[in-house]
Every structure is written in structure tokens, then in C-alpha cells.
N, C-alpha and C. Protein backbone atom coordinates (compact mmCIF):
# COMPACT_ATOMS: atom_id res chain seq x y z
N MET A 1 0.84 -1.17 0.00
CA MET A 1 0.00 0.00 0.00
C MET A 1 0.89 1.24 0.00
N SER A 2 0.45 2.28 -0.70
CA SER A 2 1.25 3.49 -0.75
C SER A 2 1.14 4.24 0.58
N GLU A 3 2.09 5.13 0.77
CA GLU A 3 2.12 5.90 2.01
C GLU A 3 0.87 6.78 2.13
N ARG A 4 0.38 7.28 1.01
CA ARG A 4 -0.80 8.13 1.01
C ARG A 4 -2.04 7.35 1.47
N LYS A 5 -2.19 6.14 1.01
CA LYS A 5 -3.34 5.32 1.42
C LYS A 5 -3.25 4.97 2.89
N ASN A 6 -2.04 4.68 3.40
CA ASN A 6 -1.87 4.39 4.81
C ASN A 6 -2.25 5.61 5.65
N HIS A 7 -1.89 6.77 5.17
CA HIS A 7 -2.20 8.01 5.88
C HIS A 7 -3.72 8.19 5.97
N LYS A 8 -4.45 7.88 4.92
CA LYS A 8 -5.90 8.06 4.88
C LYS A 8 -6.64 6.94 5.60
N ARG A 9 -6.01 5.80 5.76
CA ARG A 9 -6.70 4.63 6.32
C ARG A 9 -7.25 4.91 7.72
N GLY A 10 -6.51 5.64 8.56
CA GLY A 10 -6.93 5.89 9.94
C GLY A 10 -7.96 6.99 10.08
N ARG A 11 -8.33 7.62 9.02
CA ARG A 11 -9.28 8.73 9.07
C ARG A 11 -10.70 8.25 8.77
N SER A 12 -11.66 9.00 9.30
CA SER A 12 -13.06 8.68 9.04
C SER A 12 -13.38 9.02 7.58
N PRO A 13 -14.45 8.43 7.03
CA PRO A 13 -14.83 8.76 5.65
C PRO A 13 -15.07 10.25 5.45
N ARG A 14 -15.63 10.89 6.46
CA ARG A 14 -15.88 12.33 6.36
C ARG A 14 -14.57 13.11 6.25
N GLU A 15 -13.59 12.75 7.09
CA GLU A 15 -12.30 13.42 7.03
C GLU A 15 -11.61 13.15 5.70
N ARG A 16 -11.69 11.92 5.23
CA ARG A 16 -11.06 11.58 3.94
C ARG A 16 -11.73 12.36 2.81
N GLY A 17 -13.05 12.49 2.85
CA GLY A 17 -13.77 13.23 1.82
C GLY A 17 -13.37 14.69 1.80
N ALA A 18 -13.27 15.29 2.98
CA ALA A 18 -12.87 16.69 3.06
C ALA A 18 -11.45 16.86 2.56
N GLU A 19 -10.60 15.93 2.93
CA GLU A 19 -9.20 15.99 2.49
C GLU A 19 -9.10 15.90 0.98
N GLU A 20 -9.88 15.01 0.38
CA GLU A 20 -9.85 14.87 -1.07
C GLU A 20 -10.37 16.11 -1.76
N MET A 21 -11.40 16.76 -1.18
CA MET A 21 -11.94 17.98 -1.77
C MET A 21 -10.90 19.10 -1.73
N ILE A 22 -10.18 19.18 -0.63
CA ILE A 22 -9.15 20.21 -0.50
C ILE A 22 -8.04 19.97 -1.50
N GLU A 23 -7.64 18.71 -1.64
CA GLU A 23 -6.55 18.39 -2.56
C GLU A 23 -6.93 18.69 -4.00
N GLN A 24 -8.20 18.59 -4.35
CA GLN A 24 -8.63 18.77 -5.73
C GLN A 24 -8.98 20.20 -6.07
N ARG A 25 -9.02 21.08 -5.09
CA ARG A 25 -9.35 22.48 -5.36
C ARG A 25 -8.25 23.12 -6.18
N PRO A 26 -8.62 23.88 -7.20
CA PRO A 26 -7.59 24.56 -7.98
C PRO A 26 -6.94 25.67 -7.18
N ILE A 27 -5.67 25.89 -7.42
CA ILE A 27 -4.94 26.95 -6.73
C ILE A 27 -5.22 28.25 -7.47
N PRO A 28 -5.77 29.27 -6.79
CA PRO A 28 -6.10 30.51 -7.47
C PRO A 28 -4.85 31.27 -7.91
N ASP A 29 -4.99 32.01 -8.99
CA ASP A 29 -3.91 32.85 -9.47
C ASP A 29 -3.69 33.96 -8.45
N ARG A 30 -2.48 34.10 -7.98
CA ARG A 30 -2.18 35.09 -6.93
C ARG A 30 -2.48 36.52 -7.39
N ARG A 31 -2.25 36.80 -8.66
CA ARG A 31 -2.53 38.16 -9.14
C ARG A 31 -4.02 38.46 -9.10
N LYS A 32 -4.83 37.48 -9.47
CA LYS A 32 -6.28 37.69 -9.44
C LYS A 32 -6.76 37.87 -8.00
N ALA A 33 -6.21 37.05 -7.10
CA ALA A 33 -6.59 37.14 -5.69
C ALA A 33 -6.17 38.50 -5.13
N SER A 34 -4.98 38.95 -5.49
CA SER A 34 -4.49 40.23 -5.01
C SER A 34 -5.34 41.37 -5.55
N ALA A 35 -5.72 41.31 -6.82
CA ALA A 35 -6.56 42.35 -7.42
C ALA A 35 -7.93 42.37 -6.75
N ALA A 36 -8.48 41.20 -6.48
CA ALA A 36 -9.78 41.12 -5.82
C ALA A 36 -9.70 41.69 -4.41
N LEU A 37 -8.61 41.40 -3.72
CA LEU A 37 -8.42 41.92 -2.37
C LEU A 37 -8.28 43.44 -2.39
N ASP A 38 -7.53 43.96 -3.35
CA ASP A 38 -7.38 45.41 -3.49
C ASP A 38 -8.72 46.07 -3.77
N GLU A 39 -9.51 45.46 -4.64
CA GLU A 39 -10.83 46.00 -4.97
C GLU A 39 -11.74 46.01 -3.75
N ALA A 40 -11.70 44.93 -2.96
CA ALA A 40 -12.51 44.85 -1.75
C ALA A 40 -12.09 45.93 -0.76
N ARG A 41 -10.79 46.16 -0.63
CA ARG A 41 -10.30 47.21 0.28
C ARG A 41 -10.76 48.59 -0.17
N LEU A 42 -10.71 48.84 -1.48
CA LEU A 42 -11.15 50.13 -2.00
C LEU A 42 -12.65 50.34 -1.74
N ARG A 43 -13.43 49.28 -1.92
CA ARG A 43 -14.87 49.36 -1.65
C ARG A 43 -15.11 49.67 -0.18
N GLN A 44 -14.38 48.99 0.70
CA GLN A 44 -14.54 49.22 2.14
C GLN A 44 -14.16 50.65 2.50
N GLN A 45 -13.09 51.15 1.90
CA GLN A 45 -12.67 52.52 2.16
C GLN A 45 -13.75 53.50 1.73
N ALA A 46 -14.31 53.30 0.54
CA ALA A 46 -15.36 54.19 0.03
C ALA A 46 -16.58 54.16 0.94
N ILE A 47 -16.94 52.98 1.41
CA ILE A 47 -18.08 52.86 2.32
C ILE A 47 -17.78 53.60 3.62
N GLY A 48 -16.58 53.42 4.15
CA GLY A 48 -16.19 54.10 5.38
C GLY A 48 -16.23 55.61 5.25
N VAL A 49 -15.73 56.13 4.13
CA VAL A 49 -15.75 57.58 3.90
C VAL A 49 -17.19 58.08 3.87
N ARG A 50 -18.04 57.39 3.13
CA ARG A 50 -19.44 57.83 3.01
C ARG A 50 -20.17 57.73 4.35
N LEU A 51 -19.89 56.69 5.13
CA LEU A 51 -20.53 56.57 6.44
C LEU A 51 -20.11 57.71 7.37
N ARG A 52 -18.83 58.08 7.33
CA ARG A 52 -18.36 59.20 8.14
C ARG A 52 -19.04 60.50 7.72
N GLN A 53 -19.20 60.70 6.40
CA GLN A 53 -19.88 61.90 5.91
C GLN A 53 -21.32 61.94 6.40
N LEU A 54 -22.02 60.82 6.30
CA LEU A 54 -23.41 60.76 6.75
C LEU A 54 -23.51 61.02 8.26
N PHE A 55 -22.60 60.43 9.02
CA PHE A 55 -22.60 60.62 10.47
C PHE A 55 -22.39 62.09 10.81
N ASP A 56 -21.42 62.73 10.14
CA ASP A 56 -21.15 64.14 10.39
C ASP A 56 -22.37 65.00 10.06
N GLU A 57 -23.07 64.67 8.97
CA GLU A 57 -24.26 65.42 8.60
C GLU A 57 -25.34 65.29 9.67
N VAL A 58 -25.54 64.09 10.18
CA VAL A 58 -26.57 63.86 11.20
C VAL A 58 -26.20 64.58 12.49
N VAL A 59 -24.95 64.50 12.88
CA VAL A 59 -24.51 65.14 14.12
C VAL A 59 -24.69 66.65 14.05
N ASN A 60 -24.48 67.23 12.88
CA ASN A 60 -24.55 68.68 12.73
C ASN A 60 -25.95 69.20 12.43
N GLU A 61 -26.94 68.32 12.32
CA GLU A 61 -28.32 68.76 12.09
C GLU A 61 -28.88 69.41 13.34
N ASP A 62 -29.77 70.37 13.14
CA ASP A 62 -30.46 71.00 14.27
C ASP A 62 -31.47 70.01 14.85
N VAL A 63 -31.68 70.15 16.16
CA VAL A 63 -32.67 69.31 16.83
C VAL A 63 -34.05 69.94 16.57
N PRO A 64 -35.03 69.16 16.10
CA PRO A 64 -36.36 69.72 15.83
C PRO A 64 -37.00 70.29 17.11
N ASP A 65 -37.75 71.38 16.94
CA ASP A 65 -38.41 72.04 18.08
C ASP A 65 -39.34 71.09 18.83
N GLU A 66 -40.06 70.24 18.07
CA GLU A 66 -40.98 69.29 18.72
C GLU A 66 -40.23 68.36 19.68
N PHE A 67 -39.06 67.94 19.26
CA PHE A 67 -38.28 67.03 20.11
C PHE A 67 -37.77 67.77 21.35
N LEU A 68 -37.35 69.03 21.17
CA LEU A 68 -36.91 69.82 22.33
C LEU A 68 -38.06 70.02 23.31
N ASP A 69 -39.27 70.24 22.80
CA ASP A 69 -40.45 70.37 23.68
C ASP A 69 -40.69 69.10 24.47
N ILE A 70 -40.58 67.96 23.84
CA ILE A 70 -40.75 66.67 24.52
C ILE A 70 -39.73 66.52 25.63
N LEU A 71 -38.48 66.89 25.34
CA LEU A 71 -37.42 66.79 26.36
C LEU A 71 -37.69 67.74 27.53
N ARG A 72 -38.15 68.95 27.24
CA ARG A 72 -38.45 69.91 28.31
C ARG A 72 -39.57 69.38 29.22
N ARG A 73 -40.64 68.84 28.59
CA ARG A 73 -41.75 68.30 29.40
C ARG A 73 -41.29 67.13 30.25
N ALA A 74 -40.42 66.29 29.69
CA ALA A 74 -39.91 65.15 30.47
C ALA A 74 -39.09 65.65 31.65
N ASP A 75 -38.30 66.69 31.44
CA ASP A 75 -37.51 67.25 32.55
C ASP A 75 -38.42 67.84 33.63
N GLU A 76 -39.47 68.52 33.20
CA GLU A 76 -40.41 69.12 34.16
C GLU A 76 -41.09 68.03 34.99
N ARG A 77 -41.51 66.97 34.34
CA ARG A 77 -42.17 65.87 35.08
C ARG A 77 -41.19 65.21 36.04
N GLY A 78 -39.95 65.10 35.63
CA GLY A 78 -38.94 64.48 36.49
C GLY A 78 -38.65 65.33 37.72
N SER A 79 -38.65 66.65 37.55
CA SER A 79 -38.39 67.52 38.70
C SER A 79 -39.59 67.60 39.63
N GLU A 80 -40.81 67.40 39.11
CA GLU A 80 -42.01 67.39 39.94
C GLU A 80 -42.04 66.16 40.85
N LYS A 81 -41.52 65.04 40.37
CA LYS A 81 -41.54 63.79 41.15
C LYS A 81 -40.51 63.82 42.26
N ALA A 82 -39.49 64.60 42.13
CA ALA A 82 -38.39 64.61 43.12
C ALA A 82 -38.72 65.36 44.36
């Protein structure tokens, strides 16, 4: 028996199946993988920039008068209970 078969003999069928699938997977071209990784990083950067812009816009918005009225009434009720 070959050394490879002896190595697989002690493994469960599930482990042997997974091992065979891994061995048969094609090796990706490193340049394609690197380009895909660079593209993913650029997308993430663009998303991060846009999220920061949106956050800054929300933070700098004025608080609506109706909401300020609600907060004032809540403060008044809280001081009445104390």
C-alpha cells in the first residue's frame, strides 16, 4: 500500500472526503486574488468615507423644536416627582 493510502486509512470517511476535496481544489492565481483583495479594500474605504460623511451630517443637524419640547416636558415631570 502506498504511504498516502496508509495516511488516509486511519481517518473517518468524512475526514477523507474533506481531504480529497481540498486536494482537488484549484490553486487561485495570486494576481487575481491580489486584485480582488485590493478592490474589496477600496470598496470598504469608500463605504467608510461615506458613512463618516453621513454621520457628520446627522450630528450637525439641528434638533427639531418638537423634540426639544418633549425633552423639556420630560424634565419638568422628572423635577415634579423629586
